[in-house]
Amino acid sequence: MALLSKDQIWQVEDTLIVDVHVPEWNGTVRLRGLSGAERDAFEAESVQQVGSDVRVNKRNFRARLIAACAINEDGTPLFDKRDIIHLGQKAAKPLDRLFDECLRLNGMRPDDVKELTENLEEVPNAASTSD
């Protein structure tokens, strides 16, 4: 198998896109995989340094990941940061379905989420978004 050149790598469209049927909402939501930088930003937003302690921001964790992945038909974001609180108030079952697909699209295993949040203190009264 031949080694890829840098130019060959740049030319590959490697973002995965899937449509997920959400029967509870009588429709479909389109999700896309995040870039490496977007995933890093999501993880950085989820783990915060508070003094000498490292803490996890679990507030609206599912809604934040879904909002980062959900897109309109034209590829633009479906949600913005202002929508996260409202999205987090939707029923858990459809959110879990979308969240699980976001994990799959981004190569995030349940162990990755556990590692991100394990042995970390929850941030008290943490804001659900960062503007």
Foldseek 3Di string as FASTA:
>chain_A
DDDDDPVRVVPDDDKDKDWAADVVVPGIWIWIADDPVLVVVLLDQQWDCDPPAIAGAPVLNLLVLLQSTTADPVRHGPDDQVCSVVSSPDDPVSSVVSSVVRCVSHVHDPVNVCVSHPPHHHDPPDDPGDD
